Amino acid sequence: MKRQTLRKLTVAFKAVEKDVSPRVAELAAKSSTGQLSEEEQAEYARIVQLNALLSLLKLQTQAHPTPLSVAR
């Protein structure tokens, strides 16, 4: 991936994280006390899966950065 694309992705991830952080905190608190509805459990599971996937993507891009000299 080009560095510009990675920067754009990083900005987008931070914006999404800022928007969903309150909801994630709410779901985490309810999960800790066993108060999640079935719908909330599914939502929380999707968020956890997405977070894991994004973490892997981030690790991959850090481990295999695209050299700046590669032209497209």
N, C-alpha and C. Protein backbone atom coordinates (compact mmCIF):
# COMPACT_ATOMS: atom_id res chain seq x y z
N MET A 1 0.83 -1.18 0.00
CA MET A 1 0.00 0.00 0.00
C MET A 1 0.88 1.24 0.00
N LYS A 2 0.40 2.24 -0.67
CA LYS A 2 1.13 3.50 -0.67
C LYS A 2 0.99 4.17 0.70
N ARG A 3 2.01 4.95 1.04
CA ARG A 3 1.97 5.64 2.34
C ARG A 3 0.77 6.57 2.44
N GLN A 4 0.42 7.23 1.34
CA GLN A 4 -0.72 8.14 1.35
C GLN A 4 -2.00 7.37 1.69
N THR A 5 -2.15 6.19 1.12
CA THR A 5 -3.32 5.36 1.40
C THR A 5 -3.33 4.95 2.86
N LEU A 6 -2.18 4.57 3.38
CA LEU A 6 -2.08 4.19 4.79
C LEU A 6 -2.44 5.35 5.70
N ARG A 7 -1.99 6.55 5.35
CA ARG A 7 -2.33 7.73 6.15
C ARG A 7 -3.84 7.96 6.15
N LYS A 8 -4.44 7.83 4.98
CA LYS A 8 -5.89 8.02 4.88
C LYS A 8 -6.64 6.98 5.71
N LEU A 9 -6.18 5.73 5.65
CA LEU A 9 -6.79 4.67 6.44
C LEU A 9 -6.65 4.95 7.93
N THR A 10 -5.49 5.40 8.34
CA THR A 10 -5.25 5.72 9.74
C THR A 10 -6.20 6.81 10.22
N VAL A 11 -6.35 7.86 9.42
CA VAL A 11 -7.26 8.95 9.77
C VAL A 11 -8.70 8.42 9.86
N ALA A 12 -9.08 7.60 8.91
CA ALA A 12 -10.44 7.04 8.91
C ALA A 12 -10.67 6.15 10.13
N PHE A 13 -9.70 5.30 10.46
CA PHE A 13 -9.83 4.42 11.62
C PHE A 13 -9.98 5.24 12.90
N LYS A 14 -9.20 6.30 13.03
CA LYS A 14 -9.28 7.15 14.23
C LYS A 14 -10.63 7.83 14.33
N ALA A 15 -11.17 8.27 13.20
CA ALA A 15 -12.48 8.92 13.20
C ALA A 15 -13.58 7.94 13.61
N VAL A 16 -13.52 6.73 13.06
CA VAL A 16 -14.51 5.71 13.40
C VAL A 16 -14.38 5.34 14.87
N GLU A 17 -13.15 5.16 15.32
CA GLU A 17 -12.92 4.80 16.72
C GLU A 17 -13.51 5.86 17.66
N LYS A 18 -13.30 7.12 17.31
CA LYS A 18 -13.83 8.21 18.13
C LYS A 18 -15.36 8.16 18.17
N ASP A 19 -15.97 7.86 17.03
CA ASP A 19 -17.43 7.81 16.95
C ASP A 19 -18.02 6.63 17.71
N VAL A 20 -17.35 5.47 17.69
CA VAL A 20 -17.93 4.27 18.31
C VAL A 20 -17.43 4.01 19.72
N SER A 21 -16.43 4.73 20.18
CA SER A 21 -15.88 4.49 21.51
C SER A 21 -16.93 4.52 22.62
N PRO A 22 -17.82 5.51 22.64
CA PRO A 22 -18.83 5.51 23.71
C PRO A 22 -19.72 4.26 23.66
N ARG A 23 -20.08 3.83 22.46
CA ARG A 23 -20.93 2.64 22.33
C ARG A 23 -20.17 1.40 22.76
N VAL A 24 -18.91 1.29 22.39
CA VAL A 24 -18.10 0.13 22.78
C VAL A 24 -17.97 0.09 24.30
N ALA A 25 -17.73 1.23 24.91
CA ALA A 25 -17.62 1.29 26.37
C ALA A 25 -18.92 0.85 27.03
N GLU A 26 -20.05 1.30 26.47
CA GLU A 26 -21.35 0.91 27.00
C GLU A 26 -21.56 -0.61 26.89
N LEU A 27 -21.25 -1.15 25.71
CA LEU A 27 -21.42 -2.59 25.51
C LEU A 27 -20.48 -3.39 26.41
N ALA A 28 -19.26 -2.92 26.58
CA ALA A 28 -18.29 -3.61 27.44
C ALA A 28 -18.77 -3.64 28.89
N ALA A 29 -19.30 -2.52 29.35
CA ALA A 29 -19.81 -2.45 30.73
C ALA A 29 -20.99 -3.40 30.92
N LYS A 30 -21.89 -3.40 29.96
CA LYS A 30 -23.06 -4.28 30.05
C LYS A 30 -22.64 -5.75 29.95
N SER A 31 -21.62 -6.01 29.13
CA SER A 31 -21.12 -7.38 28.99
C SER A 31 -20.52 -7.88 30.30
N SER A 32 -19.79 -7.00 30.96
CA SER A 32 -19.15 -7.36 32.23
C SER A 32 -20.16 -7.73 33.31
N THR A 33 -21.34 -7.15 33.22
CA THR A 33 -22.37 -7.41 34.23
C THR A 33 -23.44 -8.38 33.73
N GLY A 34 -23.23 -8.92 32.52
CA GLY A 34 -24.17 -9.89 31.97
C GLY A 34 -25.51 -9.30 31.57
N GLN A 35 -25.53 -8.03 31.19
CA GLN A 35 -26.78 -7.35 30.87
C GLN A 35 -26.99 -7.08 29.39
N LEU A 36 -26.22 -7.72 28.51
CA LEU A 36 -26.39 -7.50 27.07
C LEU A 36 -27.59 -8.28 26.55
N SER A 37 -28.36 -7.62 25.70
CA SER A 37 -29.43 -8.33 25.00
C SER A 37 -28.78 -9.18 23.90
N GLU A 38 -29.56 -10.04 23.28
CA GLU A 38 -29.02 -10.87 22.19
C GLU A 38 -28.50 -9.99 21.06
N GLU A 39 -29.25 -8.94 20.75
CA GLU A 39 -28.84 -8.02 19.67
C GLU A 39 -27.53 -7.32 20.03
N GLU A 40 -27.41 -6.89 21.28
CA GLU A 40 -26.19 -6.23 21.73
C GLU A 40 -25.01 -7.19 21.77
N GLN A 41 -25.26 -8.44 22.13
CA GLN A 41 -24.20 -9.44 22.11
C GLN A 41 -23.65 -9.62 20.70
N ALA A 42 -24.54 -9.67 19.72
CA ALA A 42 -24.13 -9.82 18.33
C ALA A 42 -23.35 -8.58 17.87
N GLU A 43 -23.84 -7.41 18.24
CA GLU A 43 -23.16 -6.16 17.89
C GLU A 43 -21.76 -6.12 18.50
N TYR A 44 -21.66 -6.47 19.77
CA TYR A 44 -20.38 -6.44 20.48
C TYR A 44 -19.42 -7.46 19.87
N ALA A 45 -19.92 -8.63 19.52
CA ALA A 45 -19.08 -9.65 18.89
C ALA A 45 -18.53 -9.16 17.54
N ARG A 46 -19.38 -8.47 16.76
CA ARG A 46 -18.92 -7.93 15.47
C ARG A 46 -17.85 -6.87 15.68
N ILE A 47 -18.02 -6.04 16.68
CA ILE A 47 -17.03 -4.99 16.97
C ILE A 47 -15.70 -5.62 17.38
N VAL A 48 -15.75 -6.65 18.21
CA VAL A 48 -14.53 -7.33 18.65
C VAL A 48 -13.84 -7.98 17.46
N GLN A 49 -14.60 -8.62 16.58
CA GLN A 49 -14.02 -9.25 15.39
C GLN A 49 -13.40 -8.21 14.47
N LEU A 50 -14.09 -7.10 14.26
CA LEU A 50 -13.58 -6.04 13.41
C LEU A 50 -12.30 -5.45 13.99
N ASN A 51 -12.28 -5.26 15.29
CA ASN A 51 -11.09 -4.73 15.95
C ASN A 51 -9.90 -5.67 15.76
N ALA A 52 -10.13 -6.96 15.88
CA ALA A 52 -9.06 -7.94 15.68
C ALA A 52 -8.56 -7.89 14.24
N LEU A 53 -9.47 -7.81 13.29
CA LEU A 53 -9.10 -7.75 11.88
C LEU A 53 -8.30 -6.48 11.58
N LEU A 54 -8.74 -5.35 12.11
CA LEU A 54 -8.03 -4.09 11.89
C LEU A 54 -6.64 -4.13 12.53
N SER A 55 -6.53 -4.76 13.68
CA SER A 55 -5.22 -4.89 14.33
C SER A 55 -4.26 -5.72 13.48
N LEU A 56 -4.78 -6.79 12.90
CA LEU A 56 -3.95 -7.61 12.02
C LEU A 56 -3.52 -6.84 10.79
N LEU A 57 -4.44 -6.10 10.20
CA LEU A 57 -4.12 -5.29 9.03
C LEU A 57 -3.03 -4.27 9.37
N LYS A 58 -3.17 -3.64 10.51
CA LYS A 58 -2.19 -2.65 10.95
C LYS A 58 -0.81 -3.31 11.14
N LEU A 59 -0.79 -4.48 11.76
CA LEU A 59 0.48 -5.20 11.95
C LEU A 59 1.12 -5.58 10.62
N GLN A 60 0.29 -6.01 9.67
CA GLN A 60 0.81 -6.38 8.35
C GLN A 60 1.43 -5.19 7.65
N THR A 61 0.78 -4.06 7.71
CA THR A 61 1.30 -2.88 7.02
C THR A 61 2.57 -2.37 7.70
N GLN A 62 2.68 -2.56 9.00
CA GLN A 62 3.90 -2.16 9.69
C GLN A 62 5.05 -3.12 9.41
N ALA A 63 4.73 -4.39 9.25
CA ALA A 63 5.75 -5.40 9.00
C ALA A 63 6.25 -5.39 7.56
N HIS A 64 5.39 -4.97 6.64
CA HIS A 64 5.73 -4.98 5.21
C HIS A 64 5.43 -3.63 4.57
N PRO A 65 6.12 -2.59 4.98
CA PRO A 65 5.85 -1.28 4.38
C PRO A 65 6.28 -1.25 2.92
N THR A 66 5.56 -0.51 2.13
CA THR A 66 5.88 -0.35 0.72
C THR A 66 7.02 0.65 0.61
N PRO A 67 8.10 0.29 -0.09
CA PRO A 67 9.20 1.24 -0.27
C PRO A 67 8.72 2.47 -1.03
N LEU A 68 9.25 3.61 -0.67
CA LEU A 68 8.85 4.85 -1.32
C LEU A 68 9.29 4.90 -2.79
N SER A 69 10.31 4.15 -3.14
CA SER A 69 10.84 4.20 -4.50
C SER A 69 9.98 3.45 -5.51
N VAL A 70 9.00 2.68 -5.05
CA VAL A 70 8.14 1.94 -5.96
C VAL A 70 7.13 2.90 -6.58
N ALA A 71 7.16 2.97 -7.90
CA ALA A 71 6.24 3.88 -8.60
C ALA A 71 5.09 3.08 -9.20
N ARG A 72 3.94 3.71 -9.26
CA ARG A 72 2.77 3.05 -9.87
C ARG A 72 2.35 3.84 -11.07
